[in-house]
């Protein structure tokens, strides 16, 4: 994987605790490619919803017809990632620099 255009962020995942009573949150490091970002939407508490250009169709069962056959529905979906906390600021900084690098001629880009 080419990590040049990847944005790494922390995702919280609920996992089963050893006692099995209450789930615990574990930090997971994930990434996505900055070239795949379609749009961002600011949501509650300053979190940022990032929608990626990786759309695909998914099929799910929505019922059963009169003959007992499964009725399936196809829906077009795209990945949606929620960034929170320091990742929001990091994303805005990195994506602005990434966009500038795409727009400016190579000799004008500063390291």
PDB file of N, CA and C in Angstrom:
ATOM      1  N   UNK A   1       0.851  -1.178   0.000  1.00  0.00           N
ATOM      2  CA  UNK A   1       0.000   0.000   0.000  1.00  0.00           C
ATOM      3  C   UNK A   1       0.890   1.233   0.000  1.00  0.00           C
ATOM      4  N   UNK A   2       0.593   2.159  -0.887  1.00  0.00           N
ATOM      5  CA  UNK A   2       1.299   3.429  -0.931  1.00  0.00           C
ATOM      6  C   UNK A   2       0.694   4.349   0.132  1.00  0.00           C
ATOM      7  N   UNK A   3       1.476   4.693   1.145  1.00  0.00           N
ATOM      8  CA  UNK A   3       0.946   5.498   2.255  1.00  0.00           C
ATOM      9  C   UNK A   3       1.098   6.999   2.023  1.00  0.00           C
ATOM     10  N   UNK A   4       1.598   7.391   0.857  1.00  0.00           N
ATOM     11  CA  UNK A   4       1.821   8.813   0.580  1.00  0.00           C
ATOM     12  C   UNK A   4       0.536   9.635   0.709  1.00  0.00           C
ATOM     13  N   UNK A   5      -0.574   9.130   0.222  1.00  0.00           N
ATOM     14  CA  UNK A   5      -1.833   9.861   0.246  1.00  0.00           C
ATOM     15  C   UNK A   5      -2.780   9.375   1.341  1.00  0.00           C
ATOM     16  N   UNK A   6      -2.301   8.562   2.253  1.00  0.00           N
ATOM     17  CA  UNK A   6      -3.150   8.007   3.303  1.00  0.00           C
ATOM     18  C   UNK A   6      -3.252   8.971   4.483  1.00  0.00           C
ATOM     19  N   UNK A   7      -4.441   9.045   5.055  1.00  0.00           N
ATOM     20  CA  UNK A   7      -4.647   9.788   6.296  1.00  0.00           C
ATOM     21  C   UNK A   7      -4.948   8.762   7.379  1.00  0.00           C
ATOM     22  N   UNK A   8      -4.132   8.752   8.418  1.00  0.00           N
ATOM     23  CA  UNK A   8      -4.307   7.813   9.523  1.00  0.00           C
ATOM     24  C   UNK A   8      -5.061   8.497  10.656  1.00  0.00           C
ATOM     25  N   UNK A   9      -5.997   7.778  11.248  1.00  0.00           N
ATOM     26  CA  UNK A   9      -6.823   8.334  12.309  1.00  0.00           C
ATOM     27  C   UNK A   9      -7.146   7.239  13.327  1.00  0.00           C
ATOM     28  N   UNK A  10      -7.642   7.657  14.483  1.00  0.00           N
ATOM     29  CA  UNK A  10      -7.987   6.719  15.549  1.00  0.00           C
ATOM     30  C   UNK A  10      -9.494   6.482  15.547  1.00  0.00           C
ATOM     31  N   UNK A  11      -9.871   5.223  15.543  1.00  0.00           N
ATOM     32  CA  UNK A  11     -11.271   4.820  15.615  1.00  0.00           C
ATOM     33  C   UNK A  11     -11.480   4.052  16.910  1.00  0.00           C
ATOM     34  N   UNK A  12     -12.559   4.330  17.602  1.00  0.00           N
ATOM     35  CA  UNK A  12     -12.906   3.598  18.832  1.00  0.00           C
ATOM     36  C   UNK A  12     -13.755   2.393  18.449  1.00  0.00           C
ATOM     37  N   UNK A  13     -13.400   1.232  18.977  1.00  0.00           N
ATOM     38  CA  UNK A  13     -14.155   0.019  18.707  1.00  0.00           C
ATOM     39  C   UNK A  13     -14.578  -0.618  20.025  1.00  0.00           C
ATOM     40  N   UNK A  14     -15.862  -0.922  20.151  1.00  0.00           N
ATOM     41  CA  UNK A  14     -16.365  -1.599  21.342  1.00  0.00           C
ATOM     42  C   UNK A  14     -16.043  -3.084  21.226  1.00  0.00           C
ATOM     43  N   UNK A  15     -15.319  -3.605  22.215  1.00  0.00           N
ATOM     44  CA  UNK A  15     -14.984  -5.026  22.240  1.00  0.00           C
ATOM     45  C   UNK A  15     -15.478  -5.632  23.555  1.00  0.00           C
ATOM     46  N   UNK A  16     -15.695  -6.908  23.516  1.00  0.00           N
ATOM     47  CA  UNK A  16     -16.196  -7.607  24.696  1.00  0.00           C
ATOM     48  C   UNK A  16     -15.135  -7.589  25.802  1.00  0.00           C
ATOM     49  N   UNK A  17     -15.569  -7.238  26.998  1.00  0.00           N
ATOM     50  CA  UNK A  17     -14.638  -7.226  28.130  1.00  0.00           C
ATOM     51  C   UNK A  17     -14.396  -8.656  28.604  1.00  0.00           C
ATOM     52  N   UNK A  18     -13.352  -8.830  29.381  1.00  0.00           N
ATOM     53  CA  UNK A  18     -13.019 -10.160  29.888  1.00  0.00           C
ATOM     54  C   UNK A  18     -14.123 -10.731  30.773  1.00  0.00           C
ATOM     55  N   UNK A  19     -14.793  -9.835  31.519  1.00  0.00           N
ATOM     56  CA  UNK A  19     -15.868 -10.320  32.383  1.00  0.00           C
ATOM     57  C   UNK A  19     -17.191 -10.494  31.621  1.00  0.00           C
ATOM     58  N   UNK A  20     -17.226 -10.007  30.373  1.00  0.00           N
ATOM     59  CA  UNK A  20     -18.404 -10.178  29.537  1.00  0.00           C
ATOM     60  C   UNK A  20     -19.588  -9.313  29.909  1.00  0.00           C
ATOM     61  N   UNK A  21     -19.412  -8.419  30.887  1.00  0.00           N
ATOM     62  CA  UNK A  21     -20.537  -7.611  31.349  1.00  0.00           C
ATOM     63  C   UNK A  21     -20.709  -6.359  30.484  1.00  0.00           C
ATOM     64  N   UNK A  22     -19.698  -5.533  30.461  1.00  0.00           N
ATOM     65  CA  UNK A  22     -19.782  -4.278  29.714  1.00  0.00           C
ATOM     66  C   UNK A  22     -18.674  -4.223  28.665  1.00  0.00           C
ATOM     67  N   UNK A  23     -18.993  -3.790  27.460  1.00  0.00           N
ATOM     68  CA  UNK A  23     -17.937  -3.679  26.446  1.00  0.00           C
ATOM     69  C   UNK A  23     -16.949  -2.573  26.819  1.00  0.00           C
ATOM     70  N   UNK A  24     -15.736  -2.704  26.355  1.00  0.00           N
ATOM     71  CA  UNK A  24     -14.726  -1.671  26.551  1.00  0.00           C
ATOM     72  C   UNK A  24     -14.366  -1.091  25.190  1.00  0.00           C
ATOM     73  N   UNK A  25     -13.910   0.154  25.187  1.00  0.00           N
ATOM     74  CA  UNK A  25     -13.517   0.801  23.939  1.00  0.00           C
ATOM     75  C   UNK A  25     -12.025   0.653  23.731  1.00  0.00           C
ATOM     76  N   UNK A  26     -11.655   0.172  22.563  1.00  0.00           N
ATOM     77  CA  UNK A  26     -10.250   0.047  22.193  1.00  0.00           C
ATOM     78  C   UNK A  26      -9.968   0.999  21.047  1.00  0.00           C
ATOM     79  N   UNK A  27      -8.777   1.599  21.060  1.00  0.00           N
ATOM     80  CA  UNK A  27      -8.350   2.450  19.956  1.00  0.00           C
ATOM     81  C   UNK A  27      -7.814   1.581  18.831  1.00  0.00           C
ATOM     82  N   UNK A  28      -8.270   1.870  17.619  1.00  0.00           N
ATOM     83  CA  UNK A  28      -7.786   1.203  16.410  1.00  0.00           C
ATOM     84  C   UNK A  28      -7.276   2.285  15.471  1.00  0.00           C
ATOM     85  N   UNK A  29      -6.147   2.032  14.828  1.00  0.00           N
ATOM     86  CA  UNK A  29      -5.592   2.972  13.865  1.00  0.00           C
ATOM     87  C   UNK A  29      -6.016   2.522  12.474  1.00  0.00           C
ATOM     88  N   UNK A  30      -6.791   3.366  11.801  1.00  0.00           N
ATOM     89  CA  UNK A  30      -7.264   3.104  10.451  1.00  0.00           C
ATOM     90  C   UNK A  30      -6.742   4.193   9.533  1.00  0.00           C
ATOM     91  N   UNK A  31      -6.964   4.026   8.241  1.00  0.00           N
ATOM     92  CA  UNK A  31      -6.562   5.054   7.286  1.00  0.00           C
ATOM     93  C   UNK A  31      -7.485   5.030   6.074  1.00  0.00           C
ATOM     94  N   UNK A  32      -7.468   6.128   5.340  1.00  0.00           N
ATOM     95  CA  UNK A  32      -8.153   6.197   4.052  1.00  0.00           C
ATOM     96  C   UNK A  32      -7.313   7.062   3.127  1.00  0.00           C
ATOM     97  N   UNK A  33      -7.565   6.929   1.829  1.00  0.00           N
ATOM     98  CA  UNK A  33      -6.810   7.660   0.826  1.00  0.00           C
ATOM     99  C   UNK A  33      -7.452   9.031   0.624  1.00  0.00           C
ATOM    100  N   UNK A  34      -6.659  10.080   0.742  1.00  0.00           N
ATOM    101  CA  UNK A  34      -7.162  11.447   0.600  1.00  0.00           C
ATOM    102  C   UNK A  34      -7.733  11.712  -0.791  1.00  0.00           C
ATOM    103  N   UNK A  35      -7.284  10.990  -1.799  1.00  0.00           N
ATOM    104  CA  UNK A  35      -7.808  11.206  -3.150  1.00  0.00           C
ATOM    105  C   UNK A  35      -9.227  10.677  -3.304  1.00  0.00           C
ATOM    106  N   UNK A  36      -9.717   9.914  -2.329  1.00  0.00           N
ATOM    107  CA  UNK A  36     -11.062   9.333  -2.392  1.00  0.00           C
ATOM    108  C   UNK A  36     -12.120  10.138  -1.650  1.00  0.00           C
ATOM    109  N   UNK A  37     -11.740  11.274  -1.055  1.00  0.00           N
ATOM    110  CA  UNK A  37     -12.698  12.070  -0.289  1.00  0.00           C
ATOM    111  C   UNK A  37     -13.620  12.831  -1.242  1.00  0.00           C
ATOM    112  N   UNK A  38     -14.935  12.586  -1.110  1.00  0.00           N
ATOM    113  CA  UNK A  38     -15.936  13.316  -1.900  1.00  0.00           C
ATOM    114  C   UNK A  38     -16.329  14.607  -1.199  1.00  0.00           C
ATOM    115  N   UNK A  39     -16.650  14.489   0.089  1.00  0.00           N
ATOM    116  CA  UNK A  39     -17.078  15.655   0.848  1.00  0.00           C
ATOM    117  C   UNK A  39     -16.958  15.373   2.327  1.00  0.00           C
ATOM    118  N   UNK A  40     -17.021  16.440   3.106  1.00  0.00           N
ATOM    119  CA  UNK A  40     -17.032  16.311   4.564  1.00  0.00           C
ATOM    120  C   UNK A  40     -18.222  17.093   5.096  1.00  0.00           C
ATOM    121  N   UNK A  41     -18.753  16.614   6.218  1.00  0.00           N
ATOM    122  CA  UNK A  41     -19.893  17.260   6.860  1.00  0.00           C
ATOM    123  C   UNK A  41     -19.594  17.349   8.350  1.00  0.00           C
ATOM    124  N   UNK A  42     -19.648  18.564   8.902  1.00  0.00           N
ATOM    125  CA  UNK A  42     -19.448  18.712  10.344  1.00  0.00           C
ATOM    126  C   UNK A  42     -20.730  18.285  11.048  1.00  0.00           C
ATOM    127  N   UNK A  43     -20.566  17.422  12.038  1.00  0.00           N
ATOM    128  CA  UNK A  43     -21.713  16.904  12.785  1.00  0.00           C
ATOM    129  C   UNK A  43     -21.587  17.301  14.252  1.00  0.00           C
ATOM    130  N   UNK A  44     -22.400  16.714  15.106  1.00  0.00           N
ATOM    131  CA  UNK A  44     -22.431  17.070  16.521  1.00  0.00           C
ATOM    132  C   UNK A  44     -21.056  17.030  17.183  1.00  0.00           C
ATOM    133  N   UNK A  45     -20.885  17.903  18.147  1.00  0.00           N
ATOM    134  CA  UNK A  45     -19.676  17.951  18.981  1.00  0.00           C
ATOM    135  C   UNK A  45     -18.399  18.170  18.186  1.00  0.00           C
ATOM    136  N   UNK A  46     -18.497  18.796  17.014  1.00  0.00           N
ATOM    137  CA  UNK A  46     -17.313  19.106  16.229  1.00  0.00           C
ATOM    138  C   UNK A  46     -16.728  17.932  15.476  1.00  0.00           C
ATOM    139  N   UNK A  47     -17.393  16.796  15.492  1.00  0.00           N
ATOM    140  CA  UNK A  47     -16.917  15.642  14.724  1.00  0.00           C
ATOM    141  C   UNK A  47     -17.093  15.931  13.238  1.00  0.00           C
ATOM    142  N   UNK A  48     -16.376  15.209  12.412  1.00  0.00           N
ATOM    143  CA  UNK A  48     -16.407  15.419  10.972  1.00  0.00           C
ATOM    144  C   UNK A  48     -16.732  14.104  10.280  1.00  0.00           C
ATOM    145  N   UNK A  49     -17.783  14.103   9.472  1.00  0.00           N
ATOM    146  CA  UNK A  49     -18.162  12.930   8.697  1.00  0.00           C
ATOM    147  C   UNK A  49     -17.488  13.046   7.339  1.00  0.00           C
ATOM    148  N   UNK A  50     -16.668  12.063   6.992  1.00  0.00           N
ATOM    149  CA  UNK A  50     -15.948  12.051   5.726  1.00  0.00           C
ATOM    150  C   UNK A  50     -16.603  11.005   4.828  1.00  0.00           C
ATOM    151  N   UNK A  51     -17.052  11.427   3.651  1.00  0.00           N
ATOM    152  CA  UNK A  51     -17.689  10.512   2.709  1.00  0.00           C
ATOM    153  C   UNK A  51     -16.712  10.246   1.570  1.00  0.00           C
ATOM    154  N   UNK A  52     -16.471   8.956   1.324  1.00  0.00           N
ATOM    155  CA  UNK A  52     -15.476   8.553   0.332  1.00  0.00           C
ATOM    156  C   UNK A  52     -16.111   8.172  -0.997  1.00  0.00           C
ATOM    157  N   UNK A  53     -15.326   8.292  -2.053  1.00  0.00           N
ATOM    158  CA  UNK A  53     -15.742   7.950  -3.398  1.00  0.00           C
ATOM    159  C   UNK A  53     -15.426   6.475  -3.677  1.00  0.00           C
ATOM    160  N   UNK A  54     -15.988   5.609  -2.872  1.00  0.00           N
ATOM    161  CA  UNK A  54     -15.762   4.169  -3.057  1.00  0.00           C
ATOM    162  C   UNK A  54     -17.097   3.440  -3.136  1.00  0.00           C
ATOM    163  N   UNK A  55     -18.074   4.131  -3.720  1.00  0.00           N
ATOM    164  CA  UNK A  55     -19.435   3.616  -3.749  1.00  0.00           C
ATOM    165  C   UNK A  55     -19.551   2.243  -4.380  1.00  0.00           C
ATOM    166  N   UNK A  56     -20.498   1.504  -3.877  1.00  0.00           N
ATOM    167  CA  UNK A  56     -20.780   0.165  -4.375  1.00  0.00           C
ATOM    168  C   UNK A  56     -22.211  -0.201  -4.006  1.00  0.00           C
ATOM    169  N   UNK A  57     -22.706  -1.220  -4.665  1.00  0.00           N
ATOM    170  CA  UNK A  57     -24.060  -1.673  -4.352  1.00  0.00           C
ATOM    171  C   UNK A  57     -24.012  -2.736  -3.276  1.00  0.00           C
ATOM    172  N   UNK A  58     -24.982  -2.667  -2.387  1.00  0.00           N
ATOM    173  CA  UNK A  58     -25.162  -3.705  -1.381  1.00  0.00           C
ATOM    174  C   UNK A  58     -26.581  -4.226  -1.511  1.00  0.00           C
ATOM    175  N   UNK A  59     -26.729  -5.492  -1.262  1.00  0.00           N
ATOM    176  CA  UNK A  59     -28.035  -6.121  -1.331  1.00  0.00           C
ATOM    177  C   UNK A  59     -28.392  -6.620   0.061  1.00  0.00           C
ATOM    178  N   UNK A  60     -29.650  -6.376   0.456  1.00  0.00           N
ATOM    179  CA  UNK A  60     -30.079  -6.854   1.764  1.00  0.00           C
ATOM    180  C   UNK A  60     -31.500  -7.395   1.660  1.00  0.00           C
ATOM    181  N   UNK A  61     -31.799  -8.342   2.513  1.00  0.00           N
ATOM    182  CA  UNK A  61     -33.137  -8.922   2.530  1.00  0.00           C
ATOM    183  C   UNK A  61     -34.075  -7.964   3.245  1.00  0.00           C
ATOM    184  N   UNK A  62     -35.213  -7.672   2.576  1.00  0.00           N
ATOM    185  CA  UNK A  62     -36.178  -6.746   3.163  1.00  0.00           C
ATOM    186  C   UNK A  62     -37.510  -7.414   3.476  1.00  0.00           C
ATOM    187  N   UNK A  63     -37.607  -8.681   3.138  1.00  0.00           N
ATOM    188  CA  UNK A  63     -38.855  -9.375   3.420  1.00  0.00           C
ATOM    189  C   UNK A  63     -38.940 -10.688   2.671  1.00  0.00           C
ATOM    190  N   UNK A  64     -40.147 -11.233   2.661  1.00  0.00           N
ATOM    191  CA  UNK A  64     -40.422 -12.498   1.991  1.00  0.00           C
ATOM    192  C   UNK A  64     -41.695 -12.313   1.173  1.00  0.00           C
ATOM    193  N   UNK A  65     -41.692 -12.799  -0.087  1.00  0.00           N
ATOM    194  CA  UNK A  65     -42.886 -12.663  -0.914  1.00  0.00           C
ATOM    195  C   UNK A  65     -43.900 -13.770  -0.608  1.00  0.00           C
ATOM    196  N   UNK A  66     -45.016 -13.777  -1.336  1.00  0.00           N
ATOM    197  CA  UNK A  66     -46.105 -14.735  -1.092  1.00  0.00           C
ATOM    198  C   UNK A  66     -45.670 -16.181  -1.301  1.00  0.00           C
ATOM    199  N   UNK A  67     -44.631 -16.388  -2.107  1.00  0.00           N
ATOM    200  CA  UNK A  67     -44.143 -17.738  -2.387  1.00  0.00           C
ATOM    201  C   UNK A  67     -43.068 -18.181  -1.385  1.00  0.00           C
ATOM    202  N   UNK A  68     -42.761 -17.320  -0.427  1.00  0.00           N
ATOM    203  CA  UNK A  68     -41.741 -17.650   0.558  1.00  0.00           C
ATOM    204  C   UNK A  68     -40.327 -17.331   0.097  1.00  0.00           C
ATOM    205  N   UNK A  69     -40.219 -16.651  -1.017  1.00  0.00           N
ATOM    206  CA  UNK A  69     -38.909 -16.270  -1.564  1.00  0.00           C
ATOM    207  C   UNK A  69     -38.427 -14.971  -0.907  1.00  0.00           C
ATOM    208  N   UNK A  70     -37.141 -14.885  -0.712  1.00  0.00           N
ATOM    209  CA  UNK A  70     -36.550 -13.660  -0.160  1.00  0.00           C
ATOM    210  C   UNK A  70     -36.742 -12.502  -1.129  1.00  0.00           C
ATOM    211  N   UNK A  71     -37.118 -11.364  -0.584  1.00  0.00           N
ATOM    212  CA  UNK A  71     -37.185 -10.138  -1.367  1.00  0.00           C
ATOM    213  C   UNK A  71     -35.964  -9.315  -0.965  1.00  0.00           C
ATOM    214  N   UNK A  72     -35.150  -9.002  -1.967  1.00  0.00           N
ATOM    215  CA  UNK A  72     -33.914  -8.273  -1.702  1.00  0.00           C
ATOM    216  C   UNK A  72     -33.998  -6.877  -2.296  1.00  0.00           C
ATOM    217  N   UNK A  73     -33.292  -5.967  -1.670  1.00  0.00           N
ATOM    218  CA  UNK A  73     -33.245  -4.588  -2.128  1.00  0.00           C
ATOM    219  C   UNK A  73     -31.787  -4.208  -2.338  1.00  0.00           C
ATOM    220  N   UNK A  74     -31.507  -3.567  -3.452  1.00  0.00           N
ATOM    221  CA  UNK A  74     -30.147  -3.077  -3.717  1.00  0.00           C
ATOM    222  C   UNK A  74     -30.081  -1.592  -3.372  1.00  0.00           C
ATOM    223  N   UNK A  75     -28.969  -1.233  -2.778  1.00  0.00           N
ATOM    224  CA  UNK A  75     -28.788   0.159  -2.388  1.00  0.00           C
ATOM    225  C   UNK A  75     -27.346   0.550  -2.683  1.00  0.00           C
ATOM    226  N   UNK A  76     -27.160   1.749  -3.207  1.00  0.00           N
ATOM    227  CA  UNK A  76     -25.832   2.277  -3.476  1.00  0.00           C
ATOM    228  C   UNK A  76     -25.314   2.942  -2.207  1.00  0.00           C
ATOM    229  N   UNK A  77     -24.154   2.526  -1.744  1.00  0.00           N
ATOM    230  CA  UNK A  77     -23.592   3.081  -0.513  1.00  0.00           C
ATOM    231  C   UNK A  77     -22.144   3.496  -0.726  1.00  0.00           C
ATOM    232  N   UNK A  78     -21.688   4.427   0.079  1.00  0.00           N
ATOM    233  CA  UNK A  78     -20.297   4.863   0.085  1.00  0.00           C
ATOM    234  C   UNK A  78     -19.801   4.820   1.523  1.00  0.00           C
ATOM    235  N   UNK A  79     -18.504   4.616   1.701  1.00  0.00           N
ATOM    236  CA  UNK A  79     -17.939   4.584   3.051  1.00  0.00           C
ATOM    237  C   UNK A  79     -18.109   5.935   3.730  1.00  0.00           C
ATOM    238  N   UNK A  80     -18.462   5.894   5.002  1.00  0.00           N
ATOM    239  CA  UNK A  80     -18.596   7.098   5.808  1.00  0.00           C
ATOM    240  C   UNK A  80     -17.740   6.911   7.056  1.00  0.00           C
ATOM    241  N   UNK A  81     -16.830   7.826   7.254  1.00  0.00           N
ATOM    242  CA  UNK A  81     -15.890   7.746   8.374  1.00  0.00           C
ATOM    243  C   UNK A  81     -16.134   8.949   9.274  1.00  0.00           C
ATOM    244  N   UNK A  82     -16.170   8.719  10.574  1.00  0.00           N
ATOM    245  CA  UNK A  82     -16.346   9.814  11.530  1.00  0.00           C
ATOM    246  C   UNK A  82     -14.994  10.099  12.191  1.00  0.00           C
ATOM    247  N   UNK A  83     -14.523  11.329  12.012  1.00  0.00           N
ATOM    248  CA  UNK A  83     -13.308  11.783  12.680  1.00  0.00           C
ATOM    249  C   UNK A  83     -13.706  12.599  13.898  1.00  0.00           C
ATOM    250  N   UNK A  84     -12.962  12.412  14.983  1.00  0.00           N
ATOM    251  CA  UNK A  84     -13.267  13.129  16.226  1.00  0.00           C
ATOM    252  C   UNK A  84     -11.985  13.689  16.834  1.00  0.00           C
ATOM    253  N   UNK A  85     -12.165  14.665  17.709  1.00  0.00           N
ATOM    254  CA  UNK A  85     -11.055  15.206  18.487  1.00  0.00           C
ATOM    255  C   UNK A  85      -9.930  15.766  17.638  1.00  0.00           C
ATOM    256  N   UNK A  86      -8.700  15.426  17.995  1.00  0.00           N
ATOM    257  CA  UNK A  86      -7.527  15.971  17.303  1.00  0.00           C
ATOM    258  C   UNK A  86      -7.466  15.540  15.840  1.00  0.00           C
ATOM    259  N   UNK A  87      -8.098  14.422  15.503  1.00  0.00           N
ATOM    260  CA  UNK A  87      -8.085  13.968  14.112  1.00  0.00           C
ATOM    261  C   UNK A  87      -8.786  14.951  13.177  1.00  0.00           C
ATOM    262  N   UNK A  88      -9.781  15.689  13.675  1.00  0.00           N
ATOM    263  CA  UNK A  88     -10.492  16.667  12.846  1.00  0.00           C
ATOM    264  C   UNK A  88      -9.537  17.774  12.412  1.00  0.00           C
ATOM    265  N   UNK A  89      -8.820  18.355  13.358  1.00  0.00           N
ATOM    266  CA  UNK A  89      -7.853  19.408  13.045  1.00  0.00           C
ATOM    267  C   UNK A  89      -6.735  18.911  12.154  1.00  0.00           C
ATOM    268  N   UNK A  90      -6.232  17.715  12.441  1.00  0.00           N
ATOM    269  CA  UNK A  90      -5.180  17.124  11.610  1.00  0.00           C
ATOM    270  C   UNK A  90      -5.663  16.918  10.184  1.00  0.00           C
ATOM    271  N   UNK A  91      -6.894  16.432  10.042  1.00  0.00           N
ATOM    272  CA  UNK A  91      -7.442  16.198   8.710  1.00  0.00           C
ATOM    273  C   UNK A  91      -7.556  17.505   7.931  1.00  0.00           C
ATOM    274  N   UNK A  92      -8.069  18.539   8.586  1.00  0.00           N
ATOM    275  CA  UNK A  92      -8.227  19.825   7.896  1.00  0.00           C
ATOM    276  C   UNK A  92      -6.877  20.373   7.444  1.00  0.00           C
ATOM    277  N   UNK A  93      -5.862  20.253   8.281  1.00  0.00           N
ATOM    278  CA  UNK A  93      -4.522  20.733   7.922  1.00  0.00           C
ATOM    279  C   UNK A  93      -3.933  19.914   6.780  1.00  0.00           C
ATOM    280  N   UNK A  94      -3.989  18.597   6.914  1.00  0.00           N
ATOM    281  CA  UNK A  94      -3.404  17.716   5.898  1.00  0.00           C
ATOM    282  C   UNK A  94      -4.154  17.821   4.577  1.00  0.00           C
ATOM    283  N   UNK A  95      -5.480  17.871   4.624  1.00  0.00           N
ATOM    284  CA  UNK A  95      -6.242  17.925   3.373  1.00  0.00           C
ATOM    285  C   UNK A  95      -6.046  19.256   2.658  1.00  0.00           C
ATOM    286  N   UNK A  96      -5.891  20.348   3.409  1.00  0.00           N
ATOM    287  CA  UNK A  96      -5.629  21.644   2.783  1.00  0.00           C
ATOM    288  C   UNK A  96      -4.265  21.631   2.093  1.00  0.00           C
ATOM    289  N   UNK A  97      -3.260  21.067   2.749  1.00  0.00           N
ATOM    290  CA  UNK A  97      -1.927  20.964   2.154  1.00  0.00           C
ATOM    291  C   UNK A  97      -1.958  20.025   0.949  1.00  0.00           C
ATOM    292  N   UNK A  98      -2.717  18.941   1.048  1.00  0.00           N
ATOM    293  CA  UNK A  98      -2.837  17.974  -0.041  1.00  0.00           C
ATOM    294  C   UNK A  98      -3.495  18.631  -1.249  1.00  0.00           C
ATOM    295  N   UNK A  99      -4.546  19.395  -1.024  1.00  0.00           N
ATOM    296  CA  UNK A  99      -5.242  20.081  -2.109  1.00  0.00           C
ATOM    297  C   UNK A  99      -4.319  21.098  -2.771  1.00  0.00           C
ATOM    298  N   UNK A 100      -3.548  21.844  -1.993  1.00  0.00           N
ATOM    299  CA  UNK A 100      -2.606  22.814  -2.527  1.00  0.00           C
ATOM    300  C   UNK A 100      -1.570  22.127  -3.396  1.00  0.00           C
ATOM    301  N   UNK A 101      -1.092  20.974  -2.966  1.00  0.00           N
ATOM    302  CA  UNK A 101      -0.099  20.232  -3.745  1.00  0.00           C
ATOM    303  C   UNK A 101      -0.680  19.764  -5.074  1.00  0.00           C
ATOM    304  N   UNK A 102      -1.969  19.490  -5.114  1.00  0.00           N
ATOM    305  CA  UNK A 102      -2.606  19.065  -6.363  1.00  0.00           C
ATOM    306  C   UNK A 102      -2.807  20.223  -7.325  1.00  0.00           C
ATOM    307  N   UNK A 103      -2.985  21.438  -6.788  1.00  0.00           N
ATOM    308  CA  UNK A 103      -3.317  22.596  -7.611  1.00  0.00           C
ATOM    309  C   UNK A 103      -2.070  23.317  -8.119  1.00  0.00           C
ATOM    310  N   UNK A 104      -1.087  23.499  -7.259  1.00  0.00           N
ATOM    311  CA  UNK A 104       0.109  24.247  -7.648  1.00  0.00           C
ATOM    312  C   UNK A 104       1.017  23.427  -8.559  1.00  0.00           C
ATOM    313  N   UNK A 105       1.689  24.094  -9.507  1.00  0.00           N
ATOM    314  CA  UNK A 105       2.707  23.392 -10.297  1.00  0.00           C
ATOM    315  C   UNK A 105       3.780  22.870  -9.360  1.00  0.00           C
ATOM    316  N   UNK A 106       4.398  21.768  -9.723  1.00  0.00           N
ATOM    317  CA  UNK A 106       5.338  21.073  -8.852  1.00  0.00           C
ATOM    318  C   UNK A 106       6.447  21.988  -8.316  1.00  0.00           C
ATOM    319  N   UNK A 107       6.992  22.907  -9.152  1.00  0.00           N
ATOM    320  CA  UNK A 107       8.094  23.738  -8.702  1.00  0.00           C
ATOM    321  C   UNK A 107       7.666  24.772  -7.657  1.00  0.00           C
ATOM    322  N   UNK A 108       6.345  25.033  -7.496  1.00  0.00           N
ATOM    323  CA  UNK A 108       5.880  26.005  -6.512  1.00  0.00           C
ATOM    324  C   UNK A 108       5.523  25.371  -5.179  1.00  0.00           C
ATOM    325  N   UNK A 109       5.474  24.055  -5.106  1.00  0.00           N
ATOM    326  CA  UNK A 109       5.112  23.386  -3.874  1.00  0.00           C
ATOM    327  C   UNK A 109       6.292  23.423  -2.931  1.00  0.00           C
ATOM    328  N   UNK A 110       6.061  23.890  -1.697  1.00  0.00           N
ATOM    329  CA  UNK A 110       7.117  23.961  -0.689  1.00  0.00           C
ATOM    330  C   UNK A 110       7.019  22.774   0.230  1.00  0.00           C
ATOM    331  N   UNK A 111       8.152  22.242   0.624  1.00  0.00           N
ATOM    332  CA  UNK A 111       8.183  21.089   1.547  1.00  0.00           C
ATOM    333  C   UNK A 111       8.035  21.530   2.964  1.00  0.00           C
TER     334      UNK A 111
END
